[in-house]
Amino acid sequence: MRILGIDPGLAIVGYSIIDTEKEENILISSGSIQTDKSKTDAERLFEIETDMQTIIDKFQPDEASIEKLFYFKNQKTIIPVAEARGVILSVLQKNSIKISEFTPMEVKQMMTGYGRASKDEVARAVRMSVKYEKLPKLDDTLDSIAIALCHSRNNMILGRI
């Protein structure tokens, strides 16, 4: 099964593609969509939509998982992140890709066994869980891998793989 993991944002969207079979997860690709801050929100959202469609066309994921918003410390960023998330969900739906959503706490719980794990603890769990020579350094991209792995593990628990 090919899973697209997505960490949504207006400035940076982290994405990853993993192939999963039984208990093996292979990172096929990962990266980020980084929008230009000098552009309007509408232009940035359109760029996210276009780039997400390109990723889907190139990698043909079977399913996708995206981080779910449930709490934000910074009130200024919640609406732009929600708008970016809406655009991404729309592109996934348009391509008939099954969508799963996980909160950051659920991802941390699934990856480390502790819902309040640190970024470093999640990064270590990702490194131990996926086959790939060199993992990305950008937090958003690493988070997208954790989100995809969470989806894979959830599927295993539910007996879908």
N, C-alpha and C. Protein backbone atom coordinates (compact mmCIF):
# COMPACT_ATOMS: atom_id res chain seq x y z
N MET A 1 0.85 -1.17 0.00
CA MET A 1 0.00 0.00 0.00
C MET A 1 0.90 1.23 0.00
N ARG A 2 0.53 2.23 -0.77
CA ARG A 2 1.27 3.48 -0.83
C ARG A 2 0.49 4.55 -0.08
N ILE A 3 1.16 5.18 0.88
CA ILE A 3 0.52 6.17 1.75
C ILE A 3 1.20 7.53 1.58
N LEU A 4 0.38 8.55 1.42
CA LEU A 4 0.85 9.93 1.38
C LEU A 4 0.60 10.55 2.75
N GLY A 5 1.66 10.96 3.43
CA GLY A 5 1.54 11.63 4.72
C GLY A 5 1.68 13.13 4.53
N ILE A 6 0.83 13.91 5.20
CA ILE A 6 0.81 15.35 4.99
C ILE A 6 0.77 16.09 6.32
N ASP A 7 1.70 17.05 6.47
CA ASP A 7 1.70 17.99 7.59
C ASP A 7 1.32 19.34 7.00
N PRO A 8 0.06 19.78 7.16
CA PRO A 8 -0.42 20.97 6.46
C PRO A 8 0.08 22.28 7.06
N GLY A 9 0.16 23.29 6.21
CA GLY A 9 0.51 24.63 6.62
C GLY A 9 0.40 25.55 5.42
N LEU A 10 0.33 26.84 5.64
CA LEU A 10 0.29 27.78 4.52
C LEU A 10 1.70 28.09 4.03
N ALA A 11 2.64 28.28 4.93
CA ALA A 11 4.03 28.57 4.54
C ALA A 11 4.74 27.31 4.06
N ILE A 12 4.55 26.20 4.80
CA ILE A 12 5.22 24.93 4.47
C ILE A 12 4.24 23.79 4.65
N VAL A 13 4.13 22.97 3.61
CA VAL A 13 3.39 21.71 3.68
C VAL A 13 4.43 20.61 3.59
N GLY A 14 4.56 19.82 4.64
CA GLY A 14 5.45 18.67 4.58
C GLY A 14 4.69 17.49 3.98
N TYR A 15 5.38 16.72 3.13
CA TYR A 15 4.74 15.53 2.56
C TYR A 15 5.73 14.38 2.50
N SER A 16 5.21 13.19 2.52
CA SER A 16 6.04 12.00 2.36
C SER A 16 5.21 10.90 1.71
N ILE A 17 5.91 10.04 1.03
CA ILE A 17 5.31 8.87 0.40
C ILE A 17 6.01 7.65 0.98
N ILE A 18 5.23 6.75 1.59
CA ILE A 18 5.80 5.49 2.07
C ILE A 18 5.05 4.33 1.43
N ASP A 19 5.81 3.29 1.12
CA ASP A 19 5.22 2.03 0.71
C ASP A 19 5.26 1.12 1.93
N THR A 20 4.14 0.51 2.22
CA THR A 20 4.06 -0.34 3.39
C THR A 20 3.49 -1.70 3.00
N GLU A 21 4.16 -2.72 3.49
CA GLU A 21 3.71 -4.08 3.25
C GLU A 21 4.01 -4.89 4.51
N LYS A 22 2.97 -5.41 5.10
CA LYS A 22 3.06 -6.09 6.39
C LYS A 22 3.68 -5.13 7.39
N GLU A 23 4.84 -5.44 7.94
CA GLU A 23 5.43 -4.56 8.96
C GLU A 23 6.60 -3.74 8.43
N GLU A 24 6.80 -3.72 7.13
CA GLU A 24 7.91 -2.99 6.54
C GLU A 24 7.42 -1.69 5.91
N ASN A 25 8.11 -0.61 6.23
CA ASN A 25 7.78 0.70 5.67
C ASN A 25 9.00 1.25 4.95
N ILE A 26 8.83 1.59 3.68
CA ILE A 26 9.93 2.11 2.88
C ILE A 26 9.57 3.53 2.45
N LEU A 27 10.43 4.47 2.79
CA LEU A 27 10.22 5.85 2.39
C LEU A 27 10.61 6.00 0.93
N ILE A 28 9.64 6.34 0.09
CA ILE A 28 9.87 6.51 -1.34
C ILE A 28 10.32 7.93 -1.65
N SER A 29 9.66 8.89 -1.03
CA SER A 29 9.99 10.30 -1.27
C SER A 29 9.48 11.14 -0.11
N SER A 30 10.11 12.28 0.08
CA SER A 30 9.61 13.24 1.05
C SER A 30 10.11 14.62 0.66
N GLY A 31 9.38 15.61 1.10
CA GLY A 31 9.78 16.98 0.78
C GLY A 31 8.80 17.97 1.35
N SER A 32 8.82 19.16 0.77
CA SER A 32 7.92 20.20 1.26
C SER A 32 7.49 21.10 0.12
N ILE A 33 6.31 21.63 0.28
CA ILE A 33 5.79 22.69 -0.59
C ILE A 33 5.99 23.96 0.22
N GLN A 34 6.81 24.87 -0.27
CA GLN A 34 7.08 26.11 0.46
C GLN A 34 6.57 27.28 -0.38
N THR A 35 5.59 27.97 0.17
CA THR A 35 4.97 29.06 -0.58
C THR A 35 5.67 30.39 -0.29
N ASP A 36 5.57 31.29 -1.24
CA ASP A 36 6.21 32.61 -1.17
C ASP A 36 5.38 33.55 -0.30
N LYS A 37 5.96 34.03 0.77
CA LYS A 37 5.25 34.90 1.72
C LYS A 37 4.84 36.24 1.10
N SER A 38 5.46 36.62 -0.02
CA SER A 38 5.10 37.90 -0.64
C SER A 38 3.83 37.79 -1.49
N LYS A 39 3.36 36.56 -1.71
CA LYS A 39 2.14 36.36 -2.50
C LYS A 39 0.91 36.44 -1.60
N THR A 40 -0.26 36.61 -2.22
CA THR A 40 -1.51 36.64 -1.47
C THR A 40 -1.83 35.23 -0.97
N ASP A 41 -2.69 35.17 0.04
CA ASP A 41 -3.11 33.86 0.54
C ASP A 41 -3.74 33.03 -0.57
N ALA A 42 -4.55 33.66 -1.42
CA ALA A 42 -5.20 32.92 -2.51
C ALA A 42 -4.16 32.32 -3.45
N GLU A 43 -3.11 33.08 -3.77
CA GLU A 43 -2.06 32.56 -4.64
C GLU A 43 -1.30 31.41 -3.98
N ARG A 44 -1.06 31.54 -2.69
CA ARG A 44 -0.35 30.49 -1.96
C ARG A 44 -1.18 29.21 -1.87
N LEU A 45 -2.48 29.37 -1.63
CA LEU A 45 -3.37 28.20 -1.57
C LEU A 45 -3.45 27.51 -2.93
N PHE A 46 -3.47 28.29 -3.99
CA PHE A 46 -3.49 27.72 -5.34
C PHE A 46 -2.19 26.96 -5.61
N GLU A 47 -1.08 27.49 -5.15
CA GLU A 47 0.21 26.81 -5.32
C GLU A 47 0.20 25.47 -4.58
N ILE A 48 -0.35 25.45 -3.37
CA ILE A 48 -0.45 24.20 -2.61
C ILE A 48 -1.32 23.20 -3.37
N GLU A 49 -2.45 23.66 -3.88
CA GLU A 49 -3.33 22.78 -4.63
C GLU A 49 -2.62 22.19 -5.85
N THR A 50 -1.96 23.04 -6.61
CA THR A 50 -1.27 22.61 -7.83
C THR A 50 -0.14 21.62 -7.51
N ASP A 51 0.67 21.96 -6.52
CA ASP A 51 1.79 21.08 -6.16
C ASP A 51 1.31 19.76 -5.58
N MET A 52 0.24 19.79 -4.79
CA MET A 52 -0.30 18.55 -4.23
C MET A 52 -0.81 17.64 -5.35
N GLN A 53 -1.45 18.22 -6.35
CA GLN A 53 -1.92 17.43 -7.49
C GLN A 53 -0.74 16.81 -8.23
N THR A 54 0.34 17.55 -8.37
CA THR A 54 1.54 17.03 -9.03
C THR A 54 2.11 15.84 -8.25
N ILE A 55 2.16 15.95 -6.93
CA ILE A 55 2.65 14.86 -6.08
C ILE A 55 1.77 13.62 -6.25
N ILE A 56 0.46 13.83 -6.24
CA ILE A 56 -0.47 12.71 -6.40
C ILE A 56 -0.31 12.07 -7.77
N ASP A 57 -0.20 12.88 -8.81
CA ASP A 57 -0.02 12.35 -10.16
C ASP A 57 1.28 11.54 -10.28
N LYS A 58 2.34 12.03 -9.66
CA LYS A 58 3.65 11.37 -9.76
C LYS A 58 3.69 10.06 -8.96
N PHE A 59 3.15 10.05 -7.74
CA PHE A 59 3.34 8.90 -6.85
C PHE A 59 2.13 7.99 -6.72
N GLN A 60 0.96 8.43 -7.16
CA GLN A 60 -0.25 7.60 -7.15
C GLN A 60 -0.50 6.89 -5.81
N PRO A 61 -0.67 7.67 -4.72
CA PRO A 61 -0.91 7.03 -3.41
C PRO A 61 -2.28 6.34 -3.37
N ASP A 62 -2.35 5.26 -2.59
CA ASP A 62 -3.61 4.54 -2.38
C ASP A 62 -4.45 5.24 -1.31
N GLU A 63 -3.77 5.74 -0.28
CA GLU A 63 -4.45 6.38 0.84
C GLU A 63 -3.60 7.56 1.30
N ALA A 64 -4.21 8.44 2.08
CA ALA A 64 -3.49 9.59 2.61
C ALA A 64 -3.84 9.79 4.07
N SER A 65 -2.89 10.36 4.79
CA SER A 65 -3.15 10.75 6.17
C SER A 65 -2.66 12.18 6.34
N ILE A 66 -3.44 12.93 7.09
CA ILE A 66 -3.16 14.35 7.27
C ILE A 66 -3.33 14.69 8.74
N GLU A 67 -2.50 15.63 9.20
CA GLU A 67 -2.63 16.05 10.59
C GLU A 67 -3.93 16.82 10.78
N LYS A 68 -4.61 16.48 11.85
CA LYS A 68 -5.88 17.11 12.20
C LYS A 68 -5.63 18.26 13.17
N LEU A 69 -6.32 19.36 12.97
CA LEU A 69 -6.19 20.49 13.88
C LEU A 69 -7.09 20.25 15.09
N PHE A 70 -6.53 20.46 16.26
CA PHE A 70 -7.39 20.37 17.44
C PHE A 70 -7.04 21.43 18.46
N TYR A 71 -5.85 22.00 18.40
CA TYR A 71 -5.45 23.01 19.37
C TYR A 71 -4.30 23.80 18.76
N PHE A 72 -4.35 25.09 18.90
CA PHE A 72 -3.27 25.92 18.38
C PHE A 72 -2.86 26.95 19.42
N LYS A 73 -1.57 27.06 19.66
CA LYS A 73 -1.05 28.06 20.58
C LYS A 73 -1.10 29.44 19.94
N ASN A 74 -0.83 29.49 18.64
CA ASN A 74 -0.76 30.76 17.93
C ASN A 74 -2.06 31.01 17.18
N GLN A 75 -2.88 31.91 17.69
CA GLN A 75 -4.19 32.20 17.08
C GLN A 75 -4.07 32.77 15.67
N LYS A 76 -2.94 33.40 15.35
CA LYS A 76 -2.76 34.00 14.03
C LYS A 76 -2.57 32.97 12.93
N THR A 77 -2.11 31.78 13.27
CA THR A 77 -1.82 30.79 12.23
C THR A 77 -2.91 29.75 12.04
N ILE A 78 -3.86 29.66 12.94
CA ILE A 78 -4.85 28.59 12.84
C ILE A 78 -5.71 28.70 11.57
N ILE A 79 -6.12 29.90 11.21
CA ILE A 79 -6.98 30.04 10.03
C ILE A 79 -6.22 29.74 8.74
N PRO A 80 -5.02 30.29 8.52
CA PRO A 80 -4.29 29.93 7.31
C PRO A 80 -3.98 28.43 7.21
N VAL A 81 -3.64 27.80 8.33
CA VAL A 81 -3.38 26.36 8.33
C VAL A 81 -4.67 25.61 7.99
N ALA A 82 -5.78 26.03 8.56
CA ALA A 82 -7.07 25.39 8.27
C ALA A 82 -7.43 25.55 6.79
N GLU A 83 -7.15 26.73 6.23
CA GLU A 83 -7.43 26.94 4.81
C GLU A 83 -6.56 26.03 3.94
N ALA A 84 -5.29 25.92 4.26
CA ALA A 84 -4.39 25.04 3.51
C ALA A 84 -4.86 23.59 3.62
N ARG A 85 -5.25 23.21 4.82
CA ARG A 85 -5.75 21.86 5.05
C ARG A 85 -7.00 21.59 4.20
N GLY A 86 -7.88 22.58 4.11
CA GLY A 86 -9.08 22.44 3.30
C GLY A 86 -8.76 22.24 1.82
N VAL A 87 -7.80 22.98 1.32
CA VAL A 87 -7.39 22.83 -0.08
C VAL A 87 -6.83 21.42 -0.31
N ILE A 88 -5.99 20.96 0.62
CA ILE A 88 -5.39 19.63 0.50
C ILE A 88 -6.46 18.55 0.54
N LEU A 89 -7.40 18.66 1.48
CA LEU A 89 -8.49 17.68 1.56
C LEU A 89 -9.30 17.65 0.27
N SER A 90 -9.52 18.81 -0.30
CA SER A 90 -10.27 18.90 -1.55
C SER A 90 -9.55 18.17 -2.69
N VAL A 91 -8.23 18.36 -2.79
CA VAL A 91 -7.45 17.69 -3.83
C VAL A 91 -7.48 16.18 -3.62
N LEU A 92 -7.35 15.73 -2.38
CA LEU A 92 -7.40 14.29 -2.10
C LEU A 92 -8.76 13.72 -2.47
N GLN A 93 -9.83 14.42 -2.10
CA GLN A 93 -11.18 13.96 -2.42
C GLN A 93 -11.40 13.91 -3.93
N LYS A 94 -10.93 14.94 -4.62
CA LYS A 94 -11.07 15.00 -6.09
C LYS A 94 -10.41 13.79 -6.76
N ASN A 95 -9.36 13.28 -6.14
CA ASN A 95 -8.63 12.14 -6.68
C ASN A 95 -9.08 10.81 -6.08
N SER A 96 -10.17 10.84 -5.33
CA SER A 96 -10.76 9.63 -4.71
C SER A 96 -9.76 8.86 -3.85
N ILE A 97 -8.96 9.61 -3.10
CA ILE A 97 -7.98 8.99 -2.21
C ILE A 97 -8.58 8.95 -0.81
N LYS A 98 -8.57 7.75 -0.21
CA LYS A 98 -9.09 7.57 1.14
C LYS A 98 -8.25 8.39 2.10
N ILE A 99 -8.92 9.15 2.96
CA ILE A 99 -8.26 10.07 3.88
C ILE A 99 -8.45 9.63 5.33
N SER A 100 -7.34 9.62 6.06
CA SER A 100 -7.38 9.42 7.51
C SER A 100 -6.77 10.65 8.16
N GLU A 101 -7.29 11.01 9.34
CA GLU A 101 -6.82 12.20 10.04
C GLU A 101 -6.39 11.81 11.44
N PHE A 102 -5.24 12.36 11.86
CA PHE A 102 -4.70 12.08 13.19
C PHE A 102 -4.26 13.38 13.85
N THR A 103 -4.56 13.53 15.13
CA THR A 103 -4.08 14.69 15.87
C THR A 103 -2.59 14.49 16.16
N PRO A 104 -1.87 15.58 16.46
CA PRO A 104 -0.46 15.42 16.83
C PRO A 104 -0.27 14.46 18.02
N MET A 105 -1.18 14.52 18.97
CA MET A 105 -1.08 13.63 20.13
C MET A 105 -1.24 12.16 19.71
N GLU A 106 -2.16 11.89 18.80
CA GLU A 106 -2.35 10.52 18.32
C GLU A 106 -1.11 10.02 17.58
N VAL A 107 -0.50 10.89 16.79
CA VAL A 107 0.72 10.51 16.06
C VAL A 107 1.83 10.19 17.05
N LYS A 108 2.02 11.05 18.04
CA LYS A 108 3.06 10.83 19.05
C LYS A 108 2.81 9.54 19.82
N GLN A 109 1.55 9.30 20.19
CA GLN A 109 1.19 8.08 20.92
C GLN A 109 1.50 6.84 20.08
N MET A 110 1.14 6.88 18.81
CA MET A 110 1.35 5.73 17.93
C MET A 110 2.84 5.50 17.66
N MET A 111 3.60 6.58 17.56
CA MET A 111 5.02 6.46 17.22
C MET A 111 5.90 6.13 18.42
N THR A 112 5.57 6.70 19.60
CA THR A 112 6.47 6.54 20.74
C THR A 112 5.84 5.85 21.94
N GLY A 113 4.51 5.72 21.93
CA GLY A 113 3.83 5.16 23.09
C GLY A 113 3.47 6.22 24.12
N TYR A 114 3.79 7.49 23.81
CA TYR A 114 3.54 8.59 24.74
C TYR A 114 3.02 9.79 23.96
N GLY A 115 1.80 10.23 24.27
CA GLY A 115 1.15 11.29 23.51
C GLY A 115 1.74 12.67 23.66
N ARG A 116 2.63 12.85 24.61
CA ARG A 116 3.27 14.16 24.79
C ARG A 116 4.78 14.07 24.52
N ALA A 117 5.16 13.14 23.65
CA ALA A 117 6.58 12.95 23.32
C ALA A 117 7.14 14.21 22.66
N SER A 118 8.45 14.40 22.80
CA SER A 118 9.12 15.54 22.19
C SER A 118 9.36 15.29 20.70
N LYS A 119 9.70 16.35 19.99
CA LYS A 119 10.03 16.23 18.56
C LYS A 119 11.19 15.26 18.36
N ASP A 120 12.20 15.33 19.25
CA ASP A 120 13.35 14.44 19.14
C ASP A 120 12.96 12.97 19.33
N GLU A 121 12.06 12.71 20.26
CA GLU A 121 11.61 11.33 20.48
C GLU A 121 10.85 10.80 19.26
N VAL A 122 10.02 11.65 18.66
CA VAL A 122 9.29 11.25 17.46
C VAL A 122 10.28 11.02 16.32
N ALA A 123 11.26 11.90 16.18
CA ALA A 123 12.27 11.75 15.12
C ALA A 123 13.03 10.44 15.27
N ARG A 124 13.40 10.08 16.48
CA ARG A 124 14.08 8.80 16.73
C ARG A 124 13.19 7.62 16.34
N ALA A 125 11.92 7.71 16.69
CA ALA A 125 10.98 6.63 16.35
C ALA A 125 10.82 6.51 14.84
N VAL A 126 10.80 7.64 14.14
CA VAL A 126 10.70 7.62 12.67
C VAL A 126 11.94 6.93 12.09
N ARG A 127 13.11 7.30 12.57
CA ARG A 127 14.36 6.71 12.06
C ARG A 127 14.38 5.20 12.25
N MET A 128 13.83 4.73 13.34
CA MET A 128 13.82 3.28 13.61
C MET A 128 12.72 2.56 12.82
N SER A 129 11.75 3.29 12.29
CA SER A 129 10.56 2.68 11.70
C SER A 129 10.56 2.60 10.18
N VAL A 130 11.45 3.33 9.55
CA VAL A 130 11.38 3.42 8.11
C VAL A 130 12.73 3.12 7.48
N LYS A 131 12.71 2.45 6.34
CA LYS A 131 13.94 2.16 5.61
C LYS A 131 14.23 3.32 4.66
N TYR A 132 15.33 4.00 4.92
CA TYR A 132 15.76 5.10 4.05
C TYR A 132 17.15 5.50 4.48
N GLU A 133 17.99 5.84 3.51
CA GLU A 133 19.38 6.18 3.81
C GLU A 133 19.50 7.40 4.71
N LYS A 134 18.90 8.52 4.28
CA LYS A 134 19.05 9.77 5.02
C LYS A 134 17.69 10.45 5.14
N LEU A 135 17.24 10.65 6.36
CA LEU A 135 15.95 11.29 6.59
C LEU A 135 16.09 12.81 6.51
N PRO A 136 15.01 13.50 6.14
CA PRO A 136 15.06 14.96 6.03
C PRO A 136 15.23 15.63 7.38
N LYS A 137 15.75 16.86 7.34
CA LYS A 137 15.96 17.62 8.57
C LYS A 137 14.80 18.55 8.88
N LEU A 138 14.05 18.97 7.88
CA LEU A 138 12.94 19.90 8.07
C LEU A 138 11.85 19.24 8.92
N ASP A 139 11.45 19.91 10.01
CA ASP A 139 10.45 19.35 10.93
C ASP A 139 9.15 18.99 10.23
N ASP A 140 8.70 19.85 9.32
CA ASP A 140 7.42 19.60 8.65
C ASP A 140 7.47 18.31 7.82
N THR A 141 8.59 18.07 7.17
CA THR A 141 8.75 16.86 6.37
C THR A 141 8.86 15.63 7.26
N LEU A 142 9.64 15.74 8.32
CA LEU A 142 9.76 14.62 9.27
C LEU A 142 8.40 14.32 9.91
N ASP A 143 7.65 15.36 10.23
CA ASP A 143 6.30 15.15 10.78
C ASP A 143 5.40 14.43 9.79
N SER A 144 5.54 14.74 8.50
CA SER A 144 4.70 14.06 7.50
C SER A 144 5.02 12.57 7.43
N ILE A 145 6.29 12.22 7.65
CA ILE A 145 6.66 10.80 7.67
C ILE A 145 6.01 10.13 8.88
N ALA A 146 6.06 10.79 10.03
CA ALA A 146 5.43 10.24 11.24
C ALA A 146 3.93 10.06 11.03
N ILE A 147 3.30 11.01 10.34
CA ILE A 147 1.86 10.93 10.07
C ILE A 147 1.56 9.74 9.15
N ALA A 148 2.39 9.53 8.14
CA ALA A 148 2.21 8.38 7.24
C ALA A 148 2.43 7.07 7.99
N LEU A 149 3.45 7.03 8.84
CA LEU A 149 3.72 5.82 9.62
C LEU A 149 2.59 5.53 10.61
N CYS A 150 2.03 6.57 11.18
CA CYS A 150 0.89 6.42 12.08
C CYS A 150 -0.26 5.75 11.32
N HIS A 151 -0.49 6.21 10.11
CA HIS A 151 -1.55 5.63 9.26
C HIS A 151 -1.26 4.15 8.99
N SER A 152 -0.02 3.85 8.66
CA SER A 152 0.37 2.47 8.39
C SER A 152 0.15 1.59 9.62
N ARG A 153 0.57 2.07 10.77
CA ARG A 153 0.41 1.29 12.01
C ARG A 153 -1.06 1.13 12.37
N ASN A 154 -1.83 2.16 12.15
CA ASN A 154 -3.27 2.08 12.41
C ASN A 154 -3.91 1.02 11.50
N ASN A 155 -3.51 1.00 10.23
CA ASN A 155 -4.01 -0.01 9.30
C ASN A 155 -3.64 -1.43 9.77
N MET A 156 -2.40 -1.59 10.28
CA MET A 156 -1.99 -2.91 10.76
C MET A 156 -2.84 -3.35 11.94
N ILE A 157 -3.09 -2.41 12.86
CA ILE A 157 -3.91 -2.72 14.03
C ILE A 157 -5.31 -3.13 13.60
N LEU A 158 -5.84 -2.45 12.59
CA LEU A 158 -7.19 -2.75 12.11
C LEU A 158 -7.22 -3.91 11.12
N GLY A 159 -6.05 -4.49 10.83
CA GLY A 159 -5.96 -5.65 9.94
C GLY A 159 -6.18 -5.34 8.47
N ARG A 160 -5.87 -4.11 8.05
CA ARG A 160 -6.07 -3.72 6.65
C ARG A 160 -4.87 -4.03 5.77
N ILE A 161 -3.72 -4.34 6.36
CA ILE A 161 -2.52 -4.62 5.56
C ILE A 161 -2.20 -6.09 5.67
